[in-house]
Structure formats: C-alpha cells, structure tokens
Amino acid sequence: MKRATLAKRKRAAKYMESLTPAEHRVLAHLIQGKSAKEIGRALGRSPFTVSNHTRKIFLAFGTNSRATILAMFVVPLDEI
C-alpha cells in the first residue's frame, strides 16, 4: 500500500473517533454512495436529519466533499 493511502487511512481512523453512533451509521451509507433520501429511508430518519449528520461528518473530516471522504476508505485500483 502506498504511503499516501496509508496516511489517508490513518487520518480517517482519527476522524472516526469524533463521530457519534448515528454519524457512523450515516457514514457507512455515504461510503456506499447513497443519497440523503436513500440513507434516511434505510435508517428511518428524515433526509434533513441525514443532511445534518452529513454536515457534521464533513466538519470532522475537514472537507465538504463525499469524494474526499470516500477516497480515505477506498484503495485505488493501481495499489491492489
């Protein structure tokens, strides 16, 4: 595994510690690429509540991009 990927994973682990259990559940669905509406349906929450959790996740990870968060959890194909 490349150093950059390892560093991203270590940062992700650090950020994960600051999330609430509800935010962890939302994050699991975000990583799967689901929309707020889909996540809300799966978790029995409103899309507004999911959006609030998503904003808090973005703050914890220091980003406003789902793609950036996803990149911390996915190993690029050229590293497999």
N, C-alpha and C. Protein backbone atom coordinates (compact mmCIF):
# COMPACT_ATOMS: atom_id res chain seq x y z
N MET A 1 0.85 -1.17 0.00
CA MET A 1 0.00 0.00 0.00
C MET A 1 0.90 1.24 0.00
N LYS A 2 0.56 2.22 -0.80
CA LYS A 2 1.36 3.43 -0.90
C LYS A 2 1.24 4.26 0.37
N ARG A 3 2.27 5.06 0.63
CA ARG A 3 2.27 5.90 1.83
C ARG A 3 1.08 6.85 1.88
N ALA A 4 0.74 7.45 0.74
CA ALA A 4 -0.37 8.41 0.72
C ALA A 4 -1.67 7.74 1.14
N THR A 5 -1.89 6.52 0.66
CA THR A 5 -3.11 5.80 1.03
C THR A 5 -3.10 5.45 2.50
N LEU A 6 -1.97 5.02 3.00
CA LEU A 6 -1.84 4.69 4.42
C LEU A 6 -2.10 5.93 5.28
N ALA A 7 -1.56 7.06 4.87
CA ALA A 7 -1.77 8.30 5.62
C ALA A 7 -3.25 8.69 5.62
N LYS A 8 -3.92 8.52 4.48
CA LYS A 8 -5.36 8.83 4.41
C LYS A 8 -6.15 7.93 5.35
N ARG A 9 -5.78 6.67 5.39
CA ARG A 9 -6.50 5.73 6.27
C ARG A 9 -6.27 6.07 7.74
N LYS A 10 -5.06 6.48 8.10
CA LYS A 10 -4.78 6.85 9.48
C LYS A 10 -5.58 8.09 9.87
N ARG A 11 -5.65 9.08 8.96
CA ARG A 11 -6.45 10.28 9.24
C ARG A 11 -7.91 9.91 9.39
N ALA A 12 -8.40 9.03 8.53
CA ALA A 12 -9.80 8.61 8.60
C ALA A 12 -10.09 7.96 9.94
N ALA A 13 -9.19 7.12 10.42
CA ALA A 13 -9.39 6.46 11.71
C ALA A 13 -9.45 7.49 12.83
N LYS A 14 -8.61 8.52 12.75
CA LYS A 14 -8.61 9.58 13.76
C LYS A 14 -9.94 10.34 13.73
N TYR A 15 -10.42 10.67 12.54
CA TYR A 15 -11.67 11.42 12.41
C TYR A 15 -12.86 10.59 12.88
N MET A 16 -12.80 9.27 12.66
CA MET A 16 -13.90 8.38 13.05
C MET A 16 -14.15 8.44 14.56
N GLU A 17 -13.11 8.65 15.33
CA GLU A 17 -13.25 8.68 16.79
C GLU A 17 -14.17 9.79 17.27
N SER A 18 -14.27 10.87 16.50
CA SER A 18 -15.07 12.02 16.93
C SER A 18 -16.54 11.92 16.52
N LEU A 19 -16.90 10.89 15.77
CA LEU A 19 -18.28 10.76 15.29
C LEU A 19 -19.17 10.06 16.32
N THR A 20 -20.43 10.46 16.32
CA THR A 20 -21.43 9.81 17.17
C THR A 20 -21.86 8.50 16.51
N PRO A 21 -22.53 7.61 17.24
CA PRO A 21 -23.02 6.37 16.63
C PRO A 21 -23.94 6.64 15.42
N ALA A 22 -24.79 7.64 15.53
CA ALA A 22 -25.68 7.97 14.40
C ALA A 22 -24.88 8.43 13.19
N GLU A 23 -23.84 9.22 13.42
CA GLU A 23 -22.99 9.69 12.32
C GLU A 23 -22.22 8.53 11.70
N HIS A 24 -21.82 7.55 12.51
CA HIS A 24 -21.17 6.35 11.98
C HIS A 24 -22.10 5.61 11.03
N ARG A 25 -23.37 5.49 11.42
CA ARG A 25 -24.33 4.79 10.56
C ARG A 25 -24.53 5.54 9.25
N VAL A 26 -24.62 6.86 9.32
CA VAL A 26 -24.77 7.66 8.09
C VAL A 26 -23.52 7.53 7.23
N LEU A 27 -22.35 7.59 7.84
CA LEU A 27 -21.10 7.47 7.10
C LEU A 27 -21.03 6.15 6.34
N ALA A 28 -21.47 5.07 6.97
CA ALA A 28 -21.45 3.76 6.31
C ALA A 28 -22.26 3.80 5.01
N HIS A 29 -23.36 4.52 5.02
CA HIS A 29 -24.19 4.63 3.81
C HIS A 29 -23.58 5.62 2.81
N LEU A 30 -22.97 6.69 3.32
CA LEU A 30 -22.32 7.65 2.42
C LEU A 30 -21.22 6.97 1.60
N ILE A 31 -20.48 6.12 2.26
CA ILE A 31 -19.38 5.41 1.59
C ILE A 31 -19.92 4.51 0.47
N GLN A 32 -21.16 4.07 0.63
CA GLN A 32 -21.78 3.24 -0.42
C GLN A 32 -22.35 4.10 -1.55
N GLY A 33 -22.27 5.43 -1.41
CA GLY A 33 -22.72 6.32 -2.46
C GLY A 33 -24.21 6.64 -2.42
N LYS A 34 -24.85 6.38 -1.30
CA LYS A 34 -26.29 6.62 -1.21
C LYS A 34 -26.59 8.10 -0.97
N SER A 35 -27.75 8.52 -1.45
CA SER A 35 -28.21 9.90 -1.25
C SER A 35 -28.80 10.05 0.14
N ALA A 36 -29.02 11.31 0.56
CA ALA A 36 -29.63 11.57 1.87
C ALA A 36 -31.01 10.93 1.96
N LYS A 37 -31.74 10.96 0.88
CA LYS A 37 -33.08 10.37 0.87
C LYS A 37 -33.00 8.85 1.05
N GLU A 38 -32.06 8.20 0.35
CA GLU A 38 -31.88 6.75 0.48
C GLU A 38 -31.41 6.37 1.88
N ILE A 39 -30.50 7.17 2.42
CA ILE A 39 -29.98 6.89 3.76
C ILE A 39 -31.10 7.06 4.79
N GLY A 40 -31.85 8.11 4.64
CA GLY A 40 -32.97 8.36 5.55
C GLY A 40 -33.96 7.22 5.55
N ARG A 41 -34.27 6.74 4.36
CA ARG A 41 -35.20 5.61 4.24
C ARG A 41 -34.63 4.37 4.93
N ALA A 42 -33.35 4.11 4.73
CA ALA A 42 -32.72 2.92 5.31
C ALA A 42 -32.63 2.99 6.84
N LEU A 43 -32.43 4.21 7.37
CA LEU A 43 -32.23 4.37 8.80
C LEU A 43 -33.49 4.83 9.54
N GLY A 44 -34.54 5.08 8.80
CA GLY A 44 -35.77 5.55 9.44
C GLY A 44 -35.66 6.99 9.94
N ARG A 45 -34.91 7.80 9.23
CA ARG A 45 -34.70 9.21 9.57
C ARG A 45 -35.10 10.07 8.40
N SER A 46 -35.33 11.34 8.66
CA SER A 46 -35.67 12.26 7.58
C SER A 46 -34.40 12.62 6.81
N PRO A 47 -34.53 12.97 5.53
CA PRO A 47 -33.36 13.41 4.77
C PRO A 47 -32.70 14.64 5.41
N PHE A 48 -33.51 15.48 6.08
CA PHE A 48 -32.96 16.66 6.76
C PHE A 48 -32.02 16.23 7.89
N THR A 49 -32.43 15.24 8.67
CA THR A 49 -31.59 14.72 9.76
C THR A 49 -30.31 14.12 9.19
N VAL A 50 -30.44 13.37 8.11
CA VAL A 50 -29.27 12.78 7.45
C VAL A 50 -28.33 13.88 6.97
N SER A 51 -28.88 14.94 6.40
CA SER A 51 -28.06 16.06 5.92
C SER A 51 -27.32 16.72 7.08
N ASN A 52 -27.98 16.85 8.23
CA ASN A 52 -27.31 17.41 9.41
C ASN A 52 -26.14 16.53 9.84
N HIS A 53 -26.35 15.22 9.87
CA HIS A 53 -25.27 14.30 10.21
C HIS A 53 -24.14 14.38 9.18
N THR A 54 -24.52 14.49 7.92
CA THR A 54 -23.52 14.59 6.85
C THR A 54 -22.66 15.84 7.03
N ARG A 55 -23.28 16.96 7.37
CA ARG A 55 -22.52 18.19 7.60
C ARG A 55 -21.53 18.00 8.75
N LYS A 56 -21.97 17.35 9.82
CA LYS A 56 -21.08 17.11 10.95
C LYS A 56 -19.93 16.18 10.57
N ILE A 57 -20.22 15.20 9.73
CA ILE A 57 -19.17 14.29 9.24
C ILE A 57 -18.17 15.09 8.41
N PHE A 58 -18.66 15.94 7.53
CA PHE A 58 -17.77 16.78 6.72
C PHE A 58 -16.88 17.65 7.61
N LEU A 59 -17.46 18.22 8.66
CA LEU A 59 -16.66 19.03 9.59
C LEU A 59 -15.58 18.19 10.26
N ALA A 60 -15.95 17.00 10.70
CA ALA A 60 -14.98 16.12 11.37
C ALA A 60 -13.83 15.75 10.45
N PHE A 61 -14.15 15.54 9.17
CA PHE A 61 -13.12 15.14 8.20
C PHE A 61 -12.45 16.34 7.54
N GLY A 62 -12.93 17.54 7.84
CA GLY A 62 -12.32 18.75 7.28
C GLY A 62 -12.52 18.89 5.79
N THR A 63 -13.69 18.50 5.31
CA THR A 63 -13.98 18.58 3.88
C THR A 63 -15.45 18.90 3.68
N ASN A 64 -15.82 19.16 2.44
CA ASN A 64 -17.23 19.30 2.10
C ASN A 64 -17.55 18.43 0.89
N SER A 65 -16.77 17.37 0.76
CA SER A 65 -16.87 16.51 -0.41
C SER A 65 -17.02 15.04 -0.02
N ARG A 66 -18.04 14.43 -0.56
CA ARG A 66 -18.21 12.98 -0.35
C ARG A 66 -17.04 12.23 -0.98
N ALA A 67 -16.56 12.72 -2.11
CA ALA A 67 -15.47 12.05 -2.81
C ALA A 67 -14.21 12.00 -1.96
N THR A 68 -13.92 13.07 -1.23
CA THR A 68 -12.74 13.10 -0.37
C THR A 68 -12.86 12.07 0.74
N ILE A 69 -14.04 12.00 1.34
CA ILE A 69 -14.25 11.01 2.39
C ILE A 69 -14.14 9.60 1.83
N LEU A 70 -14.75 9.37 0.70
CA LEU A 70 -14.69 8.06 0.06
C LEU A 70 -13.25 7.66 -0.23
N ALA A 71 -12.44 8.60 -0.69
CA ALA A 71 -11.04 8.31 -1.02
C ALA A 71 -10.25 7.83 0.20
N MET A 72 -10.69 8.22 1.39
CA MET A 72 -9.98 7.78 2.60
C MET A 72 -10.25 6.31 2.93
N PHE A 73 -11.31 5.76 2.36
CA PHE A 73 -11.71 4.39 2.69
C PHE A 73 -11.51 3.40 1.54
N VAL A 74 -11.20 3.88 0.38
CA VAL A 74 -11.09 3.02 -0.79
C VAL A 74 -9.64 2.95 -1.25
N VAL A 75 -9.18 1.76 -1.54
CA VAL A 75 -7.83 1.57 -2.06
C VAL A 75 -7.89 1.73 -3.57
N PRO A 76 -7.08 2.64 -4.15
CA PRO A 76 -7.07 2.79 -5.60
C PRO A 76 -6.71 1.47 -6.30
N LEU A 77 -7.28 1.26 -7.48
CA LEU A 77 -7.05 0.01 -8.22
C LEU A 77 -5.58 -0.23 -8.51
N ASP A 78 -4.80 0.82 -8.71
CA ASP A 78 -3.40 0.61 -9.04
C ASP A 78 -2.57 0.16 -7.83
N GLU A 79 -3.20 0.07 -6.66
CA GLU A 79 -2.50 -0.39 -5.47
C GLU A 79 -2.90 -1.80 -5.06
N ILE A 80 -3.77 -2.44 -5.83
CA ILE A 80 -4.22 -3.79 -5.49
C ILE A 80 -3.26 -4.81 -6.08
